[in-house]
Amino acid sequence: MTLTKYNDFKNLNDNELDELILKLKKELLFLRIQKVNFSSLQPHLFRHTKHHLAQLLTYKRQKLNTSKNLRKIRKNKILK
């Protein structure tokens, strides 16, 4: 299993992005529970899940920042 690429989820809308983030957080929780219960655990899944979650959260933050910046830019152009 390879790590996800940043461009793989750039075409997701906000709702799909939020659902995927929630799904990955739940998956991390289940992985932690498996680790505590000594059930069959694949340690590399921690890294892959955390990596994917970090990418999604970064993309969401960038998307939010650009939309706020665009509003500020448009507002300043109207006022001038």
PDB file of N, CA and C in Angstrom:
ATOM      1  N   MET A   1       0.841  -1.174   0.000  1.00  0.00           N
ATOM      2  CA  MET A   1       0.000   0.000   0.000  1.00  0.00           C
ATOM      3  C   MET A   1       0.887   1.238   0.000  1.00  0.00           C
ATOM      4  N   THR A   2       0.643   2.118  -0.937  1.00  0.00           N
ATOM      5  CA  THR A   2       1.465   3.319  -1.035  1.00  0.00           C
ATOM      6  C   THR A   2       0.773   4.490  -0.353  1.00  0.00           C
ATOM      7  N   LEU A   3       1.556   5.494  -0.032  1.00  0.00           N
ATOM      8  CA  LEU A   3       0.995   6.698   0.565  1.00  0.00           C
ATOM      9  C   LEU A   3       0.173   7.445  -0.471  1.00  0.00           C
ATOM     10  N   THR A   4      -0.834   8.167  -0.018  1.00  0.00           N
ATOM     11  CA  THR A   4      -1.705   8.888  -0.936  1.00  0.00           C
ATOM     12  C   THR A   4      -0.994  10.112  -1.493  1.00  0.00           C
ATOM     13  N   LYS A   5      -1.407  10.506  -2.655  1.00  0.00           N
ATOM     14  CA  LYS A   5      -0.871  11.694  -3.302  1.00  0.00           C
ATOM     15  C   LYS A   5      -1.790  12.875  -3.027  1.00  0.00           C
ATOM     16  N   TYR A   6      -1.228  14.040  -2.948  1.00  0.00           N
ATOM     17  CA  TYR A   6      -1.979  15.250  -2.638  1.00  0.00           C
ATOM     18  C   TYR A   6      -3.008  15.563  -3.719  1.00  0.00           C
ATOM     19  N   ASN A   7      -2.689  15.230  -4.953  1.00  0.00           N
ATOM     20  CA  ASN A   7      -3.585  15.543  -6.072  1.00  0.00           C
ATOM     21  C   ASN A   7      -4.763  14.587  -6.176  1.00  0.00           C
ATOM     22  N   ASP A   8      -4.752  13.495  -5.414  1.00  0.00           N
ATOM     23  CA  ASP A   8      -5.816  12.508  -5.512  1.00  0.00           C
ATOM     24  C   ASP A   8      -7.161  13.013  -5.012  1.00  0.00           C
ATOM     25  N   PHE A   9      -7.174  13.980  -4.149  1.00  0.00           N
ATOM     26  CA  PHE A   9      -8.427  14.432  -3.562  1.00  0.00           C
ATOM     27  C   PHE A   9      -8.716  15.913  -3.814  1.00  0.00           C
ATOM     28  N   LYS A  10      -8.064  16.500  -4.770  1.00  0.00           N
ATOM     29  CA  LYS A  10      -8.290  17.920  -5.055  1.00  0.00           C
ATOM     30  C   LYS A  10      -9.656  18.178  -5.689  1.00  0.00           C
ATOM     31  N   ASN A  11     -10.297  17.150  -6.230  1.00  0.00           N
ATOM     32  CA  ASN A  11     -11.587  17.353  -6.870  1.00  0.00           C
ATOM     33  C   ASN A  11     -12.759  17.062  -5.930  1.00  0.00           C
ATOM     34  N   LEU A  12     -12.488  16.877  -4.632  1.00  0.00           N
ATOM     35  CA  LEU A  12     -13.551  16.625  -3.664  1.00  0.00           C
ATOM     36  C   LEU A  12     -14.219  17.932  -3.257  1.00  0.00           C
ATOM     37  N   ASN A  13     -15.541  17.867  -3.055  1.00  0.00           N
ATOM     38  CA  ASN A  13     -16.218  19.058  -2.538  1.00  0.00           C
ATOM     39  C   ASN A  13     -16.118  19.068  -1.015  1.00  0.00           C
ATOM     40  N   ASP A  14     -16.664  20.103  -0.386  1.00  0.00           N
ATOM     41  CA  ASP A  14     -16.508  20.279   1.055  1.00  0.00           C
ATOM     42  C   ASP A  14     -17.144  19.150   1.862  1.00  0.00           C
ATOM     43  N   ASN A  15     -18.326  18.701   1.451  1.00  0.00           N
ATOM     44  CA  ASN A  15     -19.005  17.638   2.199  1.00  0.00           C
ATOM     45  C   ASN A  15     -18.234  16.323   2.121  1.00  0.00           C
ATOM     46  N   GLU A  16     -17.766  15.977   0.939  1.00  0.00           N
ATOM     47  CA  GLU A  16     -16.989  14.741   0.768  1.00  0.00           C
ATOM     48  C   GLU A  16     -15.687  14.813   1.560  1.00  0.00           C
ATOM     49  N   LEU A  17     -15.089  15.983   1.585  1.00  0.00           N
ATOM     50  CA  LEU A  17     -13.846  16.192   2.328  1.00  0.00           C
ATOM     51  C   LEU A  17     -14.070  15.992   3.825  1.00  0.00           C
ATOM     52  N   ASP A  18     -15.157  16.566   4.342  1.00  0.00           N
ATOM     53  CA  ASP A  18     -15.469  16.408   5.765  1.00  0.00           C
ATOM     54  C   ASP A  18     -15.778  14.956   6.117  1.00  0.00           C
ATOM     55  N   GLU A  19     -16.511  14.258   5.244  1.00  0.00           N
ATOM     56  CA  GLU A  19     -16.829  12.852   5.482  1.00  0.00           C
ATOM     57  C   GLU A  19     -15.572  11.990   5.505  1.00  0.00           C
ATOM     58  N   LEU A  20     -14.658  12.271   4.604  1.00  0.00           N
ATOM     59  CA  LEU A  20     -13.417  11.507   4.535  1.00  0.00           C
ATOM     60  C   LEU A  20     -12.545  11.767   5.760  1.00  0.00           C
ATOM     61  N   ILE A  21     -12.506  13.002   6.221  1.00  0.00           N
ATOM     62  CA  ILE A  21     -11.742  13.334   7.431  1.00  0.00           C
ATOM     63  C   ILE A  21     -12.320  12.596   8.627  1.00  0.00           C
ATOM     64  N   LEU A  22     -13.629  12.596   8.750  1.00  0.00           N
ATOM     65  CA  LEU A  22     -14.275  11.894   9.855  1.00  0.00           C
ATOM     66  C   LEU A  22     -14.010  10.389   9.788  1.00  0.00           C
ATOM     67  N   LYS A  23     -14.070   9.837   8.592  1.00  0.00           N
ATOM     68  CA  LYS A  23     -13.802   8.405   8.409  1.00  0.00           C
ATOM     69  C   LYS A  23     -12.376   8.042   8.842  1.00  0.00           C
ATOM     70  N   LEU A  24     -11.418   8.869   8.473  1.00  0.00           N
ATOM     71  CA  LEU A  24     -10.019   8.605   8.831  1.00  0.00           C
ATOM     72  C   LEU A  24      -9.778   8.753  10.335  1.00  0.00           C
ATOM     73  N   LYS A  25     -10.449   9.706  10.966  1.00  0.00           N
ATOM     74  CA  LYS A  25     -10.315   9.846  12.416  1.00  0.00           C
ATOM     75  C   LYS A  25     -10.872   8.614  13.131  1.00  0.00           C
ATOM     76  N   LYS A  26     -11.991   8.093  12.634  1.00  0.00           N
ATOM     77  CA  LYS A  26     -12.556   6.877  13.218  1.00  0.00           C
ATOM     78  C   LYS A  26     -11.627   5.690  13.012  1.00  0.00           C
ATOM     79  N   GLU A  27     -11.030   5.622  11.833  1.00  0.00           N
ATOM     80  CA  GLU A  27     -10.102   4.536  11.541  1.00  0.00           C
ATOM     81  C   GLU A  27      -8.890   4.581  12.474  1.00  0.00           C
ATOM     82  N   LEU A  28      -8.388   5.778  12.744  1.00  0.00           N
ATOM     83  CA  LEU A  28      -7.277   5.912  13.691  1.00  0.00           C
ATOM     84  C   LEU A  28      -7.682   5.453  15.089  1.00  0.00           C
ATOM     85  N   LEU A  29      -8.893   5.775  15.480  1.00  0.00           N
ATOM     86  CA  LEU A  29      -9.390   5.330  16.778  1.00  0.00           C
ATOM     87  C   LEU A  29      -9.429   3.809  16.849  1.00  0.00           C
ATOM     88  N   PHE A  30      -9.947   3.173  15.812  1.00  0.00           N
ATOM     89  CA  PHE A  30     -10.018   1.713  15.792  1.00  0.00           C
ATOM     90  C   PHE A  30      -8.630   1.084  15.773  1.00  0.00           C
ATOM     91  N   LEU A  31      -7.687   1.719  15.102  1.00  0.00           N
ATOM     92  CA  LEU A  31      -6.317   1.211  15.108  1.00  0.00           C
ATOM     93  C   LEU A  31      -5.712   1.284  16.508  1.00  0.00           C
ATOM     94  N   ARG A  32      -5.992   2.378  17.214  1.00  0.00           N
ATOM     95  CA  ARG A  32      -5.484   2.495  18.585  1.00  0.00           C
ATOM     96  C   ARG A  32      -6.107   1.435  19.497  1.00  0.00           C
ATOM     97  N   ILE A  33      -7.395   1.180  19.298  1.00  0.00           N
ATOM     98  CA  ILE A  33      -8.069   0.149  20.096  1.00  0.00           C
ATOM     99  C   ILE A  33      -7.480  -1.226  19.803  1.00  0.00           C
ATOM    100  N   GLN A  34      -7.204  -1.509  18.542  1.00  0.00           N
ATOM    101  CA  GLN A  34      -6.578  -2.785  18.185  1.00  0.00           C
ATOM    102  C   GLN A  34      -5.208  -2.917  18.835  1.00  0.00           C
ATOM    103  N   LYS A  35      -4.470  -1.824  18.873  1.00  0.00           N
ATOM    104  CA  LYS A  35      -3.136  -1.848  19.464  1.00  0.00           C
ATOM    105  C   LYS A  35      -3.210  -2.187  20.957  1.00  0.00           C
ATOM    106  N   VAL A  36      -4.175  -1.607  21.653  1.00  0.00           N
ATOM    107  CA  VAL A  36      -4.318  -1.847  23.085  1.00  0.00           C
ATOM    108  C   VAL A  36      -4.785  -3.271  23.351  1.00  0.00           C
ATOM    109  N   ASN A  37      -5.639  -3.802  22.499  1.00  0.00           N
ATOM    110  CA  ASN A  37      -6.208  -5.142  22.699  1.00  0.00           C
ATOM    111  C   ASN A  37      -5.315  -6.257  22.175  1.00  0.00           C
ATOM    112  N   PHE A  38      -4.153  -5.934  21.681  1.00  0.00           N
ATOM    113  CA  PHE A  38      -3.193  -6.910  21.170  1.00  0.00           C
ATOM    114  C   PHE A  38      -3.780  -7.785  20.056  1.00  0.00           C
ATOM    115  N   SER A  39      -4.737  -7.266  19.315  1.00  0.00           N
ATOM    116  CA  SER A  39      -5.245  -8.026  18.179  1.00  0.00           C
ATOM    117  C   SER A  39      -4.306  -7.814  16.993  1.00  0.00           C
ATOM    118  N   SER A  40      -4.581  -8.493  15.912  1.00  0.00           N
ATOM    119  CA  SER A  40      -3.679  -8.405  14.761  1.00  0.00           C
ATOM    120  C   SER A  40      -3.621  -6.958  14.268  1.00  0.00           C
ATOM    121  N   LEU A  41      -2.448  -6.421  14.312  1.00  0.00           N
ATOM    122  CA  LEU A  41      -2.256  -5.016  13.979  1.00  0.00           C
ATOM    123  C   LEU A  41      -1.164  -4.888  12.928  1.00  0.00           C
ATOM    124  N   GLN A  42      -1.425  -4.042  11.959  1.00  0.00           N
ATOM    125  CA  GLN A  42      -0.427  -3.743  10.941  1.00  0.00           C
ATOM    126  C   GLN A  42       0.068  -2.313  11.201  1.00  0.00           C
ATOM    127  N   PRO A  43       1.259  -2.182  11.754  1.00  0.00           N
ATOM    128  CA  PRO A  43       1.736  -0.858  12.183  1.00  0.00           C
ATOM    129  C   PRO A  43       1.830   0.181  11.069  1.00  0.00           C
ATOM    130  N   HIS A  44       2.038  -0.270   9.861  1.00  0.00           N
ATOM    131  CA  HIS A  44       2.167   0.699   8.775  1.00  0.00           C
ATOM    132  C   HIS A  44       0.851   1.448   8.520  1.00  0.00           C
ATOM    133  N   LEU A  45      -0.268   0.893   8.946  1.00  0.00           N
ATOM    134  CA  LEU A  45      -1.549   1.562   8.733  1.00  0.00           C
ATOM    135  C   LEU A  45      -1.655   2.852   9.547  1.00  0.00           C
ATOM    136  N   PHE A  46      -0.976   2.915  10.694  1.00  0.00           N
ATOM    137  CA  PHE A  46      -0.939   4.158  11.459  1.00  0.00           C
ATOM    138  C   PHE A  46      -0.324   5.262  10.620  1.00  0.00           C
ATOM    139  N   ARG A  47       0.810   4.964  10.025  1.00  0.00           N
ATOM    140  CA  ARG A  47       1.520   5.973   9.237  1.00  0.00           C
ATOM    141  C   ARG A  47       0.692   6.417   8.037  1.00  0.00           C
ATOM    142  N   HIS A  48       0.113   5.462   7.328  1.00  0.00           N
ATOM    143  CA  HIS A  48      -0.666   5.793   6.137  1.00  0.00           C
ATOM    144  C   HIS A  48      -1.901   6.625   6.489  1.00  0.00           C
ATOM    145  N   THR A  49      -2.568   6.240   7.555  1.00  0.00           N
ATOM    146  CA  THR A  49      -3.782   6.945   7.945  1.00  0.00           C
ATOM    147  C   THR A  49      -3.467   8.354   8.424  1.00  0.00           C
ATOM    148  N   LYS A  50      -2.437   8.496   9.241  1.00  0.00           N
ATOM    149  CA  LYS A  50      -2.051   9.822   9.727  1.00  0.00           C
ATOM    150  C   LYS A  50      -1.606  10.721   8.577  1.00  0.00           C
ATOM    151  N   HIS A  51      -0.869  10.139   7.647  1.00  0.00           N
ATOM    152  CA  HIS A  51      -0.383  10.890   6.492  1.00  0.00           C
ATOM    153  C   HIS A  51      -1.560  11.408   5.660  1.00  0.00           C
ATOM    154  N   HIS A  52      -2.509  10.531   5.390  1.00  0.00           N
ATOM    155  CA  HIS A  52      -3.661  10.895   4.582  1.00  0.00           C
ATOM    156  C   HIS A  52      -4.508  11.952   5.305  1.00  0.00           C
ATOM    157  N   LEU A  53      -4.701  11.781   6.596  1.00  0.00           N
ATOM    158  CA  LEU A  53      -5.472  12.738   7.379  1.00  0.00           C
ATOM    159  C   LEU A  53      -4.796  14.114   7.383  1.00  0.00           C
ATOM    160  N   ALA A  54      -3.498  14.138   7.553  1.00  0.00           N
ATOM    161  CA  ALA A  54      -2.759  15.404   7.552  1.00  0.00           C
ATOM    162  C   ALA A  54      -2.880  16.108   6.201  1.00  0.00           C
ATOM    163  N   GLN A  55      -2.827  15.349   5.127  1.00  0.00           N
ATOM    164  CA  GLN A  55      -2.974  15.938   3.801  1.00  0.00           C
ATOM    165  C   GLN A  55      -4.358  16.553   3.625  1.00  0.00           C
ATOM    166  N   LEU A  56      -5.380  15.835   4.070  1.00  0.00           N
ATOM    167  CA  LEU A  56      -6.746  16.337   3.926  1.00  0.00           C
ATOM    168  C   LEU A  56      -6.969  17.590   4.767  1.00  0.00           C
ATOM    169  N   LEU A  57      -6.459  17.589   5.987  1.00  0.00           N
ATOM    170  CA  LEU A  57      -6.622  18.761   6.838  1.00  0.00           C
ATOM    171  C   LEU A  57      -5.860  19.966   6.282  1.00  0.00           C
ATOM    172  N   THR A  58      -4.689  19.724   5.710  1.00  0.00           N
ATOM    173  CA  THR A  58      -3.919  20.801   5.089  1.00  0.00           C
ATOM    174  C   THR A  58      -4.658  21.367   3.890  1.00  0.00           C
ATOM    175  N   TYR A  59      -5.199  20.481   3.067  1.00  0.00           N
ATOM    176  CA  TYR A  59      -5.941  20.920   1.884  1.00  0.00           C
ATOM    177  C   TYR A  59      -7.175  21.718   2.292  1.00  0.00           C
ATOM    178  N   LYS A  60      -7.861  21.246   3.321  1.00  0.00           N
ATOM    179  CA  LYS A  60      -9.053  21.948   3.797  1.00  0.00           C
ATOM    180  C   LYS A  60      -8.687  23.337   4.305  1.00  0.00           C
ATOM    181  N   ARG A  61      -7.588  23.455   5.056  1.00  0.00           N
ATOM    182  CA  ARG A  61      -7.141  24.741   5.577  1.00  0.00           C
ATOM    183  C   ARG A  61      -6.756  25.692   4.438  1.00  0.00           C
ATOM    184  N   GLN A  62      -6.054  25.187   3.437  1.00  0.00           N
ATOM    185  CA  GLN A  62      -5.665  26.026   2.307  1.00  0.00           C
ATOM    186  C   GLN A  62      -6.893  26.506   1.539  1.00  0.00           C
ATOM    187  N   LYS A  63      -7.843  25.615   1.375  1.00  0.00           N
ATOM    188  CA  LYS A  63      -9.066  25.959   0.660  1.00  0.00           C
ATOM    189  C   LYS A  63      -9.837  27.034   1.423  1.00  0.00           C
ATOM    190  N   LEU A  64      -9.894  26.908   2.732  1.00  0.00           N
ATOM    191  CA  LEU A  64     -10.573  27.887   3.566  1.00  0.00           C
ATOM    192  C   LEU A  64      -9.864  29.226   3.532  1.00  0.00           C
ATOM    193  N   ASN A  65      -8.545  29.209   3.619  1.00  0.00           N
ATOM    194  CA  ASN A  65      -7.772  30.461   3.600  1.00  0.00           C
ATOM    195  C   ASN A  65      -7.914  31.181   2.276  1.00  0.00           C
ATOM    196  N   THR A  66      -7.878  30.458   1.175  1.00  0.00           N
ATOM    197  CA  THR A  66      -7.989  31.120  -0.123  1.00  0.00           C
ATOM    198  C   THR A  66      -9.374  31.722  -0.305  1.00  0.00           C
ATOM    199  N   SER A  67     -10.412  31.047   0.173  1.00  0.00           N
ATOM    200  CA  SER A  67     -11.749  31.610   0.015  1.00  0.00           C
ATOM    201  C   SER A  67     -11.910  32.859   0.879  1.00  0.00           C
ATOM    202  N   LYS A  68     -11.334  32.872   2.087  1.00  0.00           N
ATOM    203  CA  LYS A  68     -11.399  34.067   2.925  1.00  0.00           C
ATOM    204  C   LYS A  68     -10.607  35.202   2.289  1.00  0.00           C
ATOM    205  N   ASN A  69      -9.444  34.896   1.734  1.00  0.00           N
ATOM    206  CA  ASN A  69      -8.623  35.925   1.105  1.00  0.00           C
ATOM    207  C   ASN A  69      -9.319  36.508  -0.115  1.00  0.00           C
ATOM    208  N   LEU A  70     -10.007  35.666  -0.865  1.00  0.00           N
ATOM    209  CA  LEU A  70     -10.719  36.162  -2.029  1.00  0.00           C
ATOM    210  C   LEU A  70     -11.831  37.125  -1.621  1.00  0.00           C
ATOM    211  N   ARG A  71     -12.516  36.807  -0.521  1.00  0.00           N
ATOM    212  CA  ARG A  71     -13.570  37.700  -0.046  1.00  0.00           C
ATOM    213  C   ARG A  71     -12.990  39.052   0.364  1.00  0.00           C
ATOM    214  N   LYS A  72     -11.842  39.019   1.042  1.00  0.00           N
ATOM    215  CA  LYS A  72     -11.202  40.272   1.453  1.00  0.00           C
ATOM    216  C   LYS A  72     -10.779  41.084   0.243  1.00  0.00           C
ATOM    217  N   ILE A  73     -10.223  40.419  -0.757  1.00  0.00           N
ATOM    218  CA  ILE A  73      -9.764  41.110  -1.962  1.00  0.00           C
ATOM    219  C   ILE A  73     -10.944  41.747  -2.686  1.00  0.00           C
ATOM    220  N   ARG A  74     -12.023  40.976  -2.827  1.00  0.00           N
ATOM    221  CA  ARG A  74     -13.204  41.509  -3.501  1.00  0.00           C
ATOM    222  C   ARG A  74     -13.801  42.675  -2.719  1.00  0.00           C
ATOM    223  N   LYS A  75     -13.824  42.557  -1.408  1.00  0.00           N
ATOM    224  CA  LYS A  75     -14.379  43.612  -0.572  1.00  0.00           C
ATOM    225  C   LYS A  75     -13.549  44.880  -0.714  1.00  0.00           C
ATOM    226  N   ASN A  76     -12.231  44.753  -0.729  1.00  0.00           N
ATOM    227  CA  ASN A  76     -11.359  45.920  -0.875  1.00  0.00           C
ATOM    228  C   ASN A  76     -11.509  46.570  -2.237  1.00  0.00           C
ATOM    229  N   LYS A  77     -11.719  45.787  -3.272  1.00  0.00           N
ATOM    230  CA  LYS A  77     -11.891  46.358  -4.613  1.00  0.00           C
ATOM    231  C   LYS A  77     -13.194  47.136  -4.706  1.00  0.00           C
ATOM    232  N   ILE A  78     -14.228  46.637  -4.039  1.00  0.00           N
ATOM    233  CA  ILE A  78     -15.508  47.331  -4.072  1.00  0.00           C
ATOM    234  C   ILE A  78     -15.428  48.648  -3.320  1.00  0.00           C
ATOM    235  N   LEU A  79     -14.724  48.648  -2.184  1.00  0.00           N
ATOM    236  CA  LEU A  79     -14.623  49.847  -1.376  1.00  0.00           C
ATOM    237  C   LEU A  79     -13.772  50.930  -2.016  1.00  0.00           C
ATOM    238  N   LYS A  80     -12.815  50.564  -2.848  1.00  0.00           N
ATOM    239  CA  LYS A  80     -11.897  51.538  -3.459  1.00  0.00           C
ATOM    240  C   LYS A  80     -12.506  52.245  -4.606  1.00  0.00           C
TER     241      LYS A  80
END
